[in-house]
Protein backbone atom coordinates (compact mmCIF):
# COMPACT_ATOMS: atom_id res chain seq x y z
CA MET A 1 -85.33 -184.03 31.18
CA SER A 2 -86.16 -183.06 34.79
CA GLU A 3 -83.72 -181.68 37.31
CA PRO A 4 -83.03 -183.63 40.51
CA ASP A 5 -85.05 -182.53 43.54
CA CYS A 6 -82.55 -181.84 46.32
CA GLY A 7 -85.40 -181.98 48.84
CA LEU A 8 -85.67 -185.74 48.23
CA MET A 9 -82.10 -186.42 49.34
CA GLU A 10 -81.93 -189.53 51.51
CA LEU A 11 -79.58 -189.44 54.46
CA TYR A 12 -78.65 -192.10 56.98
CA LEU A 13 -77.40 -191.59 60.51
CA HIS A 14 -75.52 -193.98 62.77
CA ILE A 15 -77.22 -193.53 66.15
CA GLY A 16 -76.19 -195.79 69.00
CA GLU A 17 -75.55 -199.13 67.35
CA ASP A 18 -78.05 -198.68 64.53
CA ASN A 19 -78.07 -197.17 61.06
CA VAL A 20 -81.22 -195.07 60.86
CA GLY A 21 -82.79 -194.02 57.58
CA PRO A 22 -83.48 -193.10 54.97
CA LEU A 23 -84.17 -189.70 56.50
CA SER A 24 -85.08 -186.40 54.89
CA GLU A 25 -83.00 -183.30 55.54
CA ASP A 26 -85.74 -182.04 57.91
CA GLU A 27 -85.76 -185.34 59.82
CA VAL A 28 -81.98 -185.14 60.32
CA LYS A 29 -82.31 -181.55 61.55
CA ALA A 30 -85.06 -182.62 63.97
CA LYS A 31 -82.91 -185.46 65.36
CA TYR A 32 -80.03 -183.03 65.82
CA ALA A 33 -82.26 -180.43 67.51
CA SER A 34 -83.73 -183.04 69.88
CA GLY A 35 -80.27 -184.21 70.94
CA GLU A 36 -80.70 -187.64 69.34
CA GLY A 37 -77.89 -186.67 66.96
CA GLY A 38 -74.91 -184.40 67.47
CA PRO A 39 -71.76 -183.12 65.77
CA ASP A 40 -70.05 -186.51 66.20
CA THR A 41 -73.01 -188.52 64.85
CA LEU A 42 -71.99 -190.26 61.65
CA GLY A 43 -74.00 -189.61 58.52
CA TRP A 44 -74.01 -191.00 55.02
CA MET A 45 -75.60 -190.30 51.62
CA ASP A 46 -75.23 -192.30 48.41
CA THR A 47 -72.89 -189.62 47.03
CA MET A 48 -70.34 -190.31 49.81
CA ASP A 49 -67.54 -192.85 49.87
CA THR A 50 -67.75 -193.36 53.65
CA TRP A 51 -69.56 -192.18 56.78
CA TYR A 52 -68.70 -188.69 58.07
CA PRO A 53 -69.57 -186.86 61.32
CA LEU A 54 -72.32 -184.27 60.92
CA SER A 55 -69.72 -181.62 61.80
CA ASN A 56 -67.84 -182.45 58.55
CA GLU A 57 -68.06 -179.99 55.66
CA GLN A 58 -69.88 -182.72 53.68
CA PHE A 59 -72.96 -181.84 55.76
CA ALA A 60 -72.57 -178.04 55.69
CA PHE A 61 -75.81 -177.80 53.68
CA LEU A 62 -77.71 -178.98 56.79
CA ALA A 63 -76.49 -175.95 58.77
CA VAL A 64 -76.75 -177.89 62.03
CA CYS A 65 -73.13 -177.45 63.18
CA ARG A 66 -71.87 -173.93 63.39
CA SER A 67 -68.30 -172.96 64.23
CA VAL A 68 -67.80 -170.66 67.15
CA GLY A 69 -65.11 -168.16 66.59
């Protein structure tokens, strides 16, 4: 039995009026870094029950949104 490869996680983003994906973790980070995505951009993975903003703890593993404090 093989273990799941977390690097193959497929994510989707809602950018503008479109759902974009599947995207790799690196592709999501690149879209965030380029300004195409932001903390309020909605994201989804098949393990989620609904879309969440990238600033939600559900996406903490991406490390794209950092709290200032």
